[in-house]
C-alpha atoms as a PDB file:
ATOM      1  CA  MET A   1     137.249  95.423  83.906  1.00  0.00           C
ATOM      2  CA  VAL A   2     138.565  97.310  80.861  1.00  0.00           C
ATOM      3  CA  LEU A   3     136.817 100.651  80.301  1.00  0.00           C
ATOM      4  CA  THR A   4     136.466 102.337  76.912  1.00  0.00           C
ATOM      5  CA  ARG A   5     134.645 105.346  78.360  1.00  0.00           C
ATOM      6  CA  PRO A   6     134.332 106.866  81.864  1.00  0.00           C
ATOM      7  CA  TYR A   7     132.177 104.745  84.168  1.00  0.00           C
ATOM      8  CA  VAL A   8     128.800 106.222  85.173  1.00  0.00           C
ATOM      9  CA  GLY A   9     126.645 104.133  87.492  1.00  0.00           C
ATOM     10  CA  ARG A  10     123.613 104.703  89.668  1.00  0.00           C
ATOM     11  CA  PHE A  11     121.420 103.561  92.539  1.00  0.00           C
ATOM     12  CA  ALA A  12     117.705 104.053  91.886  1.00  0.00           C
ATOM     13  CA  PRO A  13     115.431 103.303  94.867  1.00  0.00           C
ATOM     14  CA  THR A  14     111.640 103.644  94.917  1.00  0.00           C
ATOM     15  CA  PRO A  15     110.283 105.773  97.815  1.00  0.00           C
ATOM     16  CA  SER A  16     107.735 103.168  98.892  1.00  0.00           C
ATOM     17  CA  GLY A  17     109.432 102.616 102.243  1.00  0.00           C
ATOM     18  CA  ALA A  18     112.740 102.584 104.075  1.00  0.00           C
ATOM     19  CA  LEU A  19     115.815 100.794 102.741  1.00  0.00           C
ATOM     20  CA  HIS A  20     116.273  97.120 103.678  1.00  0.00           C
ATOM     21  CA  LEU A  21     119.307  94.862 103.485  1.00  0.00           C
ATOM     22  CA  GLY A  22     118.672  94.028  99.822  1.00  0.00           C
ATOM     23  CA  SER A  23     118.649  97.755  99.059  1.00  0.00           C
ATOM     24  CA  LEU A  24     121.928  98.191 100.908  1.00  0.00           C
ATOM     25  CA  ALA A  25     123.572  95.341  98.993  1.00  0.00           C
ATOM     26  CA  ALA A  26     122.480  96.865  95.665  1.00  0.00           C
ATOM     27  CA  ALA A  27     123.603 100.360  96.687  1.00  0.00           C
ATOM     28  CA  LEU A  28     126.937  99.045  97.926  1.00  0.00           C
ATOM     29  CA  ALA A  29     127.622  96.941  94.824  1.00  0.00           C
ATOM     30  CA  SER A  30     126.804  99.817  92.472  1.00  0.00           C
ATOM     31  CA  TYR A  31     128.862 102.268  94.530  1.00  0.00           C
ATOM     32  CA  LEU A  32     131.954 100.066  94.787  1.00  0.00           C
ATOM     33  CA  ASP A  33     131.807  99.017  91.150  1.00  0.00           C
ATOM     34  CA  ALA A  34     131.866 102.688  90.132  1.00  0.00           C
ATOM     35  CA  LYS A  35     134.326 104.018  92.680  1.00  0.00           C
ATOM     36  CA  SER A  36     136.824 101.174  92.225  1.00  0.00           C
ATOM     37  CA  VAL A  37     137.503 102.510  88.708  1.00  0.00           C
ATOM     38  CA  ALA A  38     137.219 106.219  89.662  1.00  0.00           C
ATOM     39  CA  GLY A  39     133.770 106.397  88.075  1.00  0.00           C
ATOM     40  CA  LYS A  40     130.730 108.524  88.866  1.00  0.00           C
ATOM     41  CA  TRP A  41     127.944 107.219  91.129  1.00  0.00           C
ATOM     42  CA  LEU A  42     124.540 108.863  90.878  1.00  0.00           C
ATOM     43  CA  VAL A  43     121.302 108.550  92.851  1.00  0.00           C
ATOM     44  CA  ARG A  44     117.888 108.558  91.175  1.00  0.00           C
ATOM     45  CA  ILE A  45     114.596 108.521  93.089  1.00  0.00           C
ATOM     46  CA  GLU A  46     112.073 106.518  91.046  1.00  0.00           C
ATOM     47  CA  ASP A  47     108.935 108.298  92.273  1.00  0.00           C
ATOM     48  CA  LEU A  48     106.529 107.558  89.436  1.00  0.00           C
ATOM     49  CA  ASP A  49     103.863 105.637  91.360  1.00  0.00           C
ATOM     50  CA  PRO A  50     102.202 107.947  93.924  1.00  0.00           C
ATOM     51  CA  PRO A  51      99.768 105.302  95.272  1.00  0.00           C
ATOM     52  CA  ARG A  52     102.752 103.171  96.391  1.00  0.00           C
ATOM     53  CA  GLN A  53     104.843 106.015  97.783  1.00  0.00           C
ATOM     54  CA  ILE A  54     105.155 106.843 101.462  1.00  0.00           C
ATOM     55  CA  ALA A  55     105.493 110.385 102.747  1.00  0.00           C
ATOM     56  CA  GLU A  56     109.061 111.270 103.762  1.00  0.00           C
ATOM     57  CA  ALA A  57     110.389 107.953 102.359  1.00  0.00           C
ATOM     58  CA  ALA A  58     112.613 109.641  99.780  1.00  0.00           C
ATOM     59  CA  ASP A  59     114.184 111.918 102.385  1.00  0.00           C
ATOM     60  CA  ASN A  60     114.647 108.947 104.714  1.00  0.00           C
ATOM     61  CA  ILE A  61     116.390 106.979 101.945  1.00  0.00           C
ATOM     62  CA  LEU A  62     118.799 109.820 101.197  1.00  0.00           C
ATOM     63  CA  ARG A  63     119.615 110.409 104.878  1.00  0.00           C
ATOM     64  CA  THR A  64     120.159 106.680 105.386  1.00  0.00           C
ATOM     65  CA  LEU A  65     122.578 106.551 102.454  1.00  0.00           C
ATOM     66  CA  GLU A  66     124.481 109.484 103.937  1.00  0.00           C
ATOM     67  CA  GLY A  67     124.554 107.746 107.332  1.00  0.00           C
ATOM     68  CA  PHE A  68     126.219 104.731 105.710  1.00  0.00           C
ATOM     69  CA  GLY A  69     128.902 106.961 104.189  1.00  0.00           C
ATOM     70  CA  PHE A  70     127.634 107.060 100.587  1.00  0.00           C
ATOM     71  CA  ASP A  71     128.327 110.255  98.640  1.00  0.00           C
ATOM     72  CA  TRP A  72     126.757 110.760  95.205  1.00  0.00           C
ATOM     73  CA  ASP A  73     128.451 112.767  92.471  1.00  0.00           C
ATOM     74  CA  ASP A  74     125.630 114.995  91.225  1.00  0.00           C
ATOM     75  CA  GLU A  75     122.233 116.295  92.266  1.00  0.00           C
ATOM     76  CA  VAL A  76     119.599 113.681  93.038  1.00  0.00           C
ATOM     77  CA  PHE A  77     117.588 112.858  89.901  1.00  0.00           C
ATOM     78  CA  TRP A  78     113.779 112.727  90.354  1.00  0.00           C
ATOM     79  CA  GLN A  79     111.626 110.796  87.888  1.00  0.00           C
ATOM     80  CA  SER A  80     108.540 112.806  88.869  1.00  0.00           C
ATOM     81  CA  LYS A  81     110.059 115.824  87.102  1.00  0.00           C
ATOM     82  CA  ARG A  82     110.357 113.949  83.801  1.00  0.00           C
ATOM     83  CA  SER A  83     106.701 113.527  82.756  1.00  0.00           C
ATOM     84  CA  ASP A  84     106.957 115.719  79.650  1.00  0.00           C
ATOM     85  CA  ALA A  85     110.032 113.861  78.375  1.00  0.00           C
ATOM     86  CA  TYR A  86     108.281 110.505  78.770  1.00  0.00           C
ATOM     87  CA  GLU A  87     105.171 111.714  76.937  1.00  0.00           C
ATOM     88  CA  VAL A  88     107.217 112.993  74.006  1.00  0.00           C
ATOM     89  CA  ILE A  89     108.779 109.570  73.489  1.00  0.00           C
ATOM     90  CA  ILE A  90     105.461 107.755  73.867  1.00  0.00           C
ATOM     91  CA  SER A  91     103.895 109.962  71.189  1.00  0.00           C
ATOM     92  CA  LYS A  92     106.883 109.343  68.933  1.00  0.00           C
ATOM     93  CA  LEU A  93     106.568 105.571  69.307  1.00  0.00           C
ATOM     94  CA  ILE A  94     102.822 105.672  68.587  1.00  0.00           C
ATOM     95  CA  ASN A  95     103.252 107.938  65.555  1.00  0.00           C
ATOM     96  CA  ASN A  96     105.916 105.605  64.162  1.00  0.00           C
ATOM     97  CA  GLY A  97     103.663 102.575  64.558  1.00  0.00           C
ATOM     98  CA  LEU A  98     105.899 101.069  67.245  1.00  0.00           C
ATOM     99  CA  ALA A  99     103.355 101.362  70.054  1.00  0.00           C
ATOM    100  CA  TYR A 100      99.569 101.333  70.297  1.00  0.00           C
ATOM    101  CA  ALA A 101      96.668 101.962  72.651  1.00  0.00           C
ATOM    102  CA  CYS A 102      95.248  98.970  74.532  1.00  0.00           C
ATOM    103  CA  SER A 103      91.833  99.114  76.193  1.00  0.00           C
ATOM    104  CA  CYS A 104      91.916  95.573  77.601  1.00  0.00           C
ATOM    105  CA  SER A 105      91.046  95.316  81.271  1.00  0.00           C
ATOM    106  CA  ARG A 106      92.857  93.161  83.809  1.00  0.00           C
ATOM    107  CA  LYS A 107      89.749  90.987  84.008  1.00  0.00           C
ATOM    108  CA  GLN A 108      89.931  90.330  80.261  1.00  0.00           C
ATOM    109  CA  LEU A 109      93.585  89.311  80.518  1.00  0.00           C
ATOM    110  CA  VAL A 110      93.452  87.332  83.760  1.00  0.00           C
ATOM    111  CA  ASN A 111      94.007  83.983  81.989  1.00  0.00           C
ATOM    112  CA  ASN A 112      96.771  85.216  79.698  1.00  0.00           C
ATOM    113  CA  VAL A 113     100.425  84.951  80.685  1.00  0.00           C
ATOM    114  CA  ILE A 114     101.445  86.653  77.427  1.00  0.00           C
ATOM    115  CA  TYR A 115      99.352  89.495  76.001  1.00  0.00           C
ATOM    116  CA  PRO A 116      97.279  88.012  73.109  1.00  0.00           C
ATOM    117  CA  ASN A 117      97.643  91.127  70.884  1.00  0.00           C
ATOM    118  CA  THR A 118      93.915  91.858  71.118  1.00  0.00           C
ATOM    119  CA  CYS A 119      94.343  95.569  70.400  1.00  0.00           C
ATOM    120  CA  ARG A 120      97.501  95.373  68.318  1.00  0.00           C
ATOM    121  CA  ASP A 121      95.999  96.051  64.894  1.00  0.00           C
ATOM    122  CA  LYS A 122      92.944  98.040  65.936  1.00  0.00           C
ATOM    123  CA  LEU A 123      92.863 101.804  65.730  1.00  0.00           C
ATOM    124  CA  LYS A 124      92.035 102.964  69.225  1.00  0.00           C
ATOM    125  CA  SER A 125      92.169 106.259  71.059  1.00  0.00           C
ATOM    126  CA  ALA A 126      94.878 106.595  73.675  1.00  0.00           C
ATOM    127  CA  LYS A 127      92.266 108.092  76.025  1.00  0.00           C
ATOM    128  CA  ASP A 128      91.466 105.749  78.929  1.00  0.00           C
ATOM    129  CA  ALA A 129      93.879 103.163  77.545  1.00  0.00           C
ATOM    130  CA  ALA A 130      97.262 101.687  78.271  1.00  0.00           C
ATOM    131  CA  ILE A 131     100.071 102.019  75.726  1.00  0.00           C
ATOM    132  CA  ARG A 132     101.930  98.894  74.614  1.00  0.00           C
ATOM    133  CA  VAL A 133     105.099  98.484  72.565  1.00  0.00           C
ATOM    134  CA  ARG A 134     105.080  96.035  69.661  1.00  0.00           C
ATOM    135  CA  THR A 135     107.647  93.338  70.347  1.00  0.00           C
ATOM    136  CA  PRO A 136     109.470  91.627  67.470  1.00  0.00           C
ATOM    137  CA  ASN A 137     109.717  87.892  67.004  1.00  0.00           C
ATOM    138  CA  LEU A 138     113.422  88.045  67.784  1.00  0.00           C
ATOM    139  CA  GLU A 139     115.797  86.708  70.385  1.00  0.00           C
ATOM    140  CA  TYR A 140     117.490  89.234  72.658  1.00  0.00           C
ATOM    141  CA  GLN A 141     120.561  88.378  74.666  1.00  0.00           C
ATOM    142  CA  PHE A 142     123.251  90.005  76.767  1.00  0.00           C
ATOM    143  CA  GLU A 143     126.215  88.906  78.852  1.00  0.00           C
ATOM    144  CA  ASP A 144     125.717  89.771  82.492  1.00  0.00           C
ATOM    145  CA  ARG A 145     128.942  90.193  84.454  1.00  0.00           C
ATOM    146  CA  VAL A 146     127.688  87.921  87.252  1.00  0.00           C
ATOM    147  CA  GLN A 147     124.782  85.894  85.909  1.00  0.00           C
ATOM    148  CA  GLY A 148     126.397  85.146  82.531  1.00  0.00           C
ATOM    149  CA  LEU A 149     124.581  84.862  79.201  1.00  0.00           C
ATOM    150  CA  PHE A 150     120.848  85.648  79.397  1.00  0.00           C
ATOM    151  CA  ILE A 151     118.612  84.953  76.394  1.00  0.00           C
ATOM    152  CA  GLN A 152     114.954  85.811  75.918  1.00  0.00           C
ATOM    153  CA  LYS A 153     112.584  85.440  72.968  1.00  0.00           C
ATOM    154  CA  LEU A 154     110.789  88.708  73.482  1.00  0.00           C
ATOM    155  CA  ALA A 155     107.525  88.099  71.597  1.00  0.00           C
ATOM    156  CA  GLU A 156     107.119  84.529  72.877  1.00  0.00           C
ATOM    157  CA  GLU A 157     108.177  85.013  76.483  1.00  0.00           C
ATOM    158  CA  VAL A 158     107.049  88.595  77.192  1.00  0.00           C
ATOM    159  CA  GLY A 159     104.761  89.828  74.423  1.00  0.00           C
ATOM    160  CA  ASP A 160     103.758  93.420  73.745  1.00  0.00           C
ATOM    161  CA  PHE A 161     104.460  95.136  77.060  1.00  0.00           C
ATOM    162  CA  ILE A 162     103.049  98.265  78.663  1.00  0.00           C
ATOM    163  CA  ILE A 163     105.015 101.520  78.664  1.00  0.00           C
ATOM    164  CA  LYS A 164     102.161 103.662  80.004  1.00  0.00           C
ATOM    165  CA  ARG A 165      99.488 102.355  82.307  1.00  0.00           C
ATOM    166  CA  ARG A 166      95.790 102.887  81.818  1.00  0.00           C
ATOM    167  CA  ASP A 167      95.738 105.159  84.880  1.00  0.00           C
ATOM    168  CA  GLY A 168      98.236 107.460  83.134  1.00  0.00           C
ATOM    169  CA  LEU A 169     101.334 106.414  85.089  1.00  0.00           C
ATOM    170  CA  ILE A 170     104.533 105.765  83.143  1.00  0.00           C
ATOM    171  CA  ALA A 171     105.741 102.157  83.319  1.00  0.00           C
ATOM    172  CA  TYR A 172     109.118 101.306  84.798  1.00  0.00           C
ATOM    173  CA  GLN A 173     110.475  99.739  81.597  1.00  0.00           C
ATOM    174  CA  LEU A 174     110.246 102.989  79.633  1.00  0.00           C
ATOM    175  CA  ALA A 175     111.228 105.364  82.433  1.00  0.00           C
ATOM    176  CA  VAL A 176     114.388 103.466  83.358  1.00  0.00           C
ATOM    177  CA  VAL A 177     115.597 103.414  79.750  1.00  0.00           C
ATOM    178  CA  LEU A 178     114.973 107.123  79.183  1.00  0.00           C
ATOM    179  CA  ASP A 179     116.473 108.144  82.512  1.00  0.00           C
ATOM    180  CA  ASP A 180     119.583 106.006  82.139  1.00  0.00           C
ATOM    181  CA  ALA A 181     120.149 107.625  78.735  1.00  0.00           C
ATOM    182  CA  GLU A 182     119.511 111.120  80.122  1.00  0.00           C
ATOM    183  CA  GLN A 183     121.969 110.596  82.982  1.00  0.00           C
ATOM    184  CA  GLY A 184     124.585 108.970  80.761  1.00  0.00           C
ATOM    185  CA  ILE A 185     124.458 105.699  82.695  1.00  0.00           C
ATOM    186  CA  ASN A 186     126.682 103.109  81.025  1.00  0.00           C
ATOM    187  CA  HIS A 187     126.905 100.561  83.863  1.00  0.00           C
ATOM    188  CA  VAL A 188     123.793  99.191  85.580  1.00  0.00           C
ATOM    189  CA  VAL A 189     124.289  97.276  88.835  1.00  0.00           C
ATOM    190  CA  ARG A 190     121.082  96.005  90.458  1.00  0.00           C
ATOM    191  CA  GLY A 191     119.289  92.934  91.819  1.00  0.00           C
ATOM    192  CA  ALA A 192     118.773  89.741  89.828  1.00  0.00           C
ATOM    193  CA  ASP A 193     114.996  90.115  90.221  1.00  0.00           C
ATOM    194  CA  LEU A 194     115.305  92.602  87.340  1.00  0.00           C
ATOM    195  CA  LEU A 195     117.301  90.264  85.090  1.00  0.00           C
ATOM    196  CA  ASP A 196     114.146  89.247  83.216  1.00  0.00           C
ATOM    197  CA  SER A 197     113.308  92.912  82.507  1.00  0.00           C
ATOM    198  CA  THR A 198     116.613  93.642  80.808  1.00  0.00           C
ATOM    199  CA  PRO A 199     115.758  92.359  77.285  1.00  0.00           C
ATOM    200  CA  ARG A 200     112.732  94.666  77.225  1.00  0.00           C
ATOM    201  CA  GLN A 201     114.988  97.561  78.108  1.00  0.00           C
ATOM    202  CA  ILE A 202     117.559  96.554  75.501  1.00  0.00           C
ATOM    203  CA  TYR A 203     114.782  96.484  72.894  1.00  0.00           C
ATOM    204  CA  LEU A 204     113.623  99.988  73.877  1.00  0.00           C
ATOM    205  CA  GLN A 205     117.235 101.213  73.749  1.00  0.00           C
ATOM    206  CA  GLU A 206     117.431  99.795  70.239  1.00  0.00           C
ATOM    207  CA  LEU A 207     114.183 101.510  69.158  1.00  0.00           C
ATOM    208  CA  LEU A 208     115.307 104.862  70.565  1.00  0.00           C
ATOM    209  CA  GLY A 209     118.913 104.715  69.368  1.00  0.00           C
ATOM    210  CA  PHE A 210     120.459 104.567  72.850  1.00  0.00           C
ATOM    211  CA  PRO A 211     123.660 102.621  73.605  1.00  0.00           C
ATOM    212  CA  MET A 212     123.240  99.510  75.742  1.00  0.00           C
ATOM    213  CA  PRO A 213     124.779  99.769  79.222  1.00  0.00           C
ATOM    214  CA  ASN A 214     126.962  97.104  80.765  1.00  0.00           C
ATOM    215  CA  TYR A 215     124.909  94.969  83.191  1.00  0.00           C
ATOM    216  CA  LEU A 216     125.677  93.341  86.527  1.00  0.00           C
ATOM    217  CA  HIS A 217     122.880  91.686  88.513  1.00  0.00           C
ATOM    218  CA  ILE A 218     123.665  90.753  92.104  1.00  0.00           C
ATOM    219  CA  PRO A 219     121.939  87.707  93.645  1.00  0.00           C
ATOM    220  CA  THR A 220     118.416  87.996  95.009  1.00  0.00           C
ATOM    221  CA  LEU A 221     118.253  88.071  98.795  1.00  0.00           C
ATOM    222  CA  VAL A 222     115.424  86.114 100.422  1.00  0.00           C
ATOM    223  CA  ASP A 223     114.339  85.623 104.028  1.00  0.00           C
ATOM    224  CA  SER A 224     114.127  82.304 105.843  1.00  0.00           C
ATOM    225  CA  ASP A 225     110.599  81.778 104.448  1.00  0.00           C
ATOM    226  CA  GLY A 226     111.809  82.193 100.861  1.00  0.00           C
ATOM    227  CA  TYR A 227     110.363  85.671 100.290  1.00  0.00           C
ATOM    228  CA  LYS A 228     112.490  88.232  98.449  1.00  0.00           C
ATOM    229  CA  LEU A 229     113.579  91.076 100.694  1.00  0.00           C
ATOM    230  CA  SER A 230     111.421  94.001  99.637  1.00  0.00           C
ATOM    231  CA  LYS A 231     109.528  97.003 100.914  1.00  0.00           C
ATOM    232  CA  SER A 232     106.228  95.450  99.799  1.00  0.00           C
ATOM    233  CA  HIS A 233     106.951  92.365 101.935  1.00  0.00           C
ATOM    234  CA  CYS A 234     107.756  94.624 104.899  1.00  0.00           C
ATOM    235  CA  SER A 235     111.341  93.407 105.182  1.00  0.00           C
ATOM    236  CA  PRO A 236     113.123  94.897 108.224  1.00  0.00           C
ATOM    237  CA  PHE A 237     114.585  98.294 107.428  1.00  0.00           C
ATOM    238  CA  ILE A 238     118.203  99.145 108.066  1.00  0.00           C
ATOM    239  CA  THR A 239     119.284 101.779 110.578  1.00  0.00           C
ATOM    240  CA  THR A 240     122.459 103.800 110.752  1.00  0.00           C
ATOM    241  CA  ASN A 241     123.171 102.831 114.360  1.00  0.00           C
ATOM    242  CA  LYS A 242     124.435  99.501 112.987  1.00  0.00           C
ATOM    243  CA  ALA A 243     125.995 100.997 109.849  1.00  0.00           C
ATOM    244  CA  SER A 244     129.447  99.421 110.203  1.00  0.00           C
ATOM    245  CA  GLN A 245     128.077  95.981 111.044  1.00  0.00           C
ATOM    246  CA  LEU A 246     125.594  96.089 108.162  1.00  0.00           C
ATOM    247  CA  LEU A 247     128.181  97.307 105.646  1.00  0.00           C
ATOM    248  CA  VAL A 248     130.511  94.438 106.507  1.00  0.00           C
ATOM    249  CA  TYR A 249     127.596  91.995 106.333  1.00  0.00           C
ATOM    250  CA  ALA A 250     126.629  93.363 102.898  1.00  0.00           C
ATOM    251  CA  LEU A 251     130.234  92.962 101.725  1.00  0.00           C
ATOM    252  CA  GLN A 252     130.132  89.317 102.804  1.00  0.00           C
ATOM    253  CA  ILE A 253     126.828  88.847 100.977  1.00  0.00           C
ATOM    254  CA  LEU A 254     128.570  90.170  97.873  1.00  0.00           C
ATOM    255  CA  GLY A 255     131.302  87.547  98.225  1.00  0.00           C
ATOM    256  CA  GLN A 256     134.033  89.920  99.342  1.00  0.00           C
ATOM    257  CA  LYS A 257     136.825  88.716 101.640  1.00  0.00           C
ATOM    258  CA  VAL A 258     136.568  91.023 104.616  1.00  0.00           C
ATOM    259  CA  GLU A 259     139.339  91.701 107.108  1.00  0.00           C
ATOM    260  CA  LYS A 260     138.499  90.504 110.612  1.00  0.00           C
ATOM    261  CA  ASP A 261     138.561  93.879 112.382  1.00  0.00           C
ATOM    262  CA  LEU A 262     136.945  95.912 109.604  1.00  0.00           C
ATOM    263  CA  VAL A 263     133.626  95.971 111.478  1.00  0.00           C
ATOM    264  CA  LEU A 264     135.278  98.137 114.156  1.00  0.00           C
ATOM    265  CA  GLU A 265     135.904 100.944 111.649  1.00  0.00           C
ATOM    266  CA  PRO A 266     133.466 103.811 110.901  1.00  0.00           C
ATOM    267  CA  PRO A 267     131.350 103.517 107.707  1.00  0.00           C
ATOM    268  CA  LEU A 268     133.487 105.862 105.592  1.00  0.00           C
ATOM    269  CA  GLN A 269     136.647 103.909 106.436  1.00  0.00           C
ATOM    270  CA  ILE A 270     134.894 100.653 105.546  1.00  0.00           C
ATOM    271  CA  LEU A 271     133.804 102.054 102.175  1.00  0.00           C
ATOM    272  CA  ASN A 272     137.306 103.325 101.422  1.00  0.00           C
ATOM    273  CA  TRP A 273     138.747  99.884 102.234  1.00  0.00           C
ATOM    274  CA  ALA A 274     136.082  98.168 100.125  1.00  0.00           C
ATOM    275  CA  ILE A 275     136.736 100.428  97.123  1.00  0.00           C
ATOM    276  CA  SER A 276     140.397  99.426  97.017  1.00  0.00           C
ATOM    277  CA  HIS A 277     139.589  95.717  97.540  1.00  0.00           C
ATOM    278  CA  TRP A 278     136.488  95.381  95.321  1.00  0.00           C
ATOM    279  CA  GLN A 279     136.286  92.109  93.367  1.00  0.00           C
ATOM    280  CA  SER A 280     133.098  91.992  91.263  1.00  0.00           C
ATOM    281  CA  GLU A 281     134.032  88.520  90.004  1.00  0.00           C
ATOM    282  CA  SER A 282     133.566  87.195  93.556  1.00  0.00           C
ATOM    283  CA  ILE A 283     129.847  88.054  93.648  1.00  0.00           C
ATOM    284  CA  PRO A 284     127.810  84.820  93.844  1.00  0.00           C
ATOM    285  CA  LYS A 285     125.146  84.020  91.230  1.00  0.00           C
ATOM    286  CA  LYS A 286     122.642  82.123  93.317  1.00  0.00           C
ATOM    287  CA  ARG A 287     119.913  83.365  95.628  1.00  0.00           C
ATOM    288  CA  ILE A 288     121.023  84.042  99.180  1.00  0.00           C
ATOM    289  CA  VAL A 289     119.011  83.329 102.317  1.00  0.00           C
ATOM    290  CA  ILE A 290     119.436  86.020 104.934  1.00  0.00           C
ATOM    291  CA  ILE A 291     118.858  85.531 108.663  1.00  0.00           C
ATOM    292  CA  GLU A 292     119.103  89.179 109.583  1.00  0.00           C
ATOM    293  CA  ASP A 293     118.987  88.952 113.370  1.00  0.00           C
ATOM    294  CA  LYS A 294     121.915  86.517 113.332  1.00  0.00           C
ATOM    295  CA  PHE A 295     123.825  88.080 110.414  1.00  0.00           C
ATOM    296  CA  SER A 296     124.188  84.721 108.702  1.00  0.00           C
ATOM    297  CA  ILE A 297     124.223  83.826 105.009  1.00  0.00           C
ATOM    298  CA  THR A 298     123.204  80.688 103.116  1.00  0.00           C
ATOM    299  CA  THR A 299     123.504  80.396  99.327  1.00  0.00           C
ATOM    300  CA  VAL A 300     120.708  78.434  97.632  1.00  0.00           C
ATOM    301  CA  SER A 301     120.006  77.328  94.063  1.00  0.00           C
END
């Protein structure tokens, strides 16, 4: 990978529960991709949705990362402290005619895959309303370092999307763009479940005059029943008492050729070895089935 500016990457978990194996794979990939080129690796806690958050989850996440040997390069960044910055941008987009208030209820939209622009050209108060961004009838594309070329016709396939929910909470699509710009993130490494969101973020970057980061989406990890590993699906959480074993397993998930006795080393030694041997081009594209109790891997289409 040829760099034209210093690498700045990040890991951005949501404090809705403890970290699972999918979280570890994403953290590890982002960490190694940054550290292998002497870049910065930052941690951001995406705590914008209080109803989904669990008490002490954020602290548990940070302590777990430390237990696996991860060391971030700046203070932890908290989205919950950024409300004023988000509101300023939302007001700017509305005032420039790039976003509008939408009073449609979920019940009204239940049969619509794409928002039908019901409120698009109606003057409505932003009180008790969601805020949507106007999407252009254009094709957005980017070259992902693992998944390859991804193309999306934004208006046809996504439609005008929400940047602030009706309950007043800031939507992920806006927050991630503003926070990546604020932190100077120029390399985003995350799960392929967010691949489809990327064109929306590229469009917002374009509207706000932000540079587009380099993207790398690792394969989605699913359990034996086909469900994506996630906190919402109550996937088993990782514990530091198996840190070395889990780190080596995550390296194998990421397609890295691991030395036989590496699992016997402490976590920090494993990370140091992995930094010097990191091969991002070896990361598989396809979904991966995980049998966690047996530490086995199956790649699926």
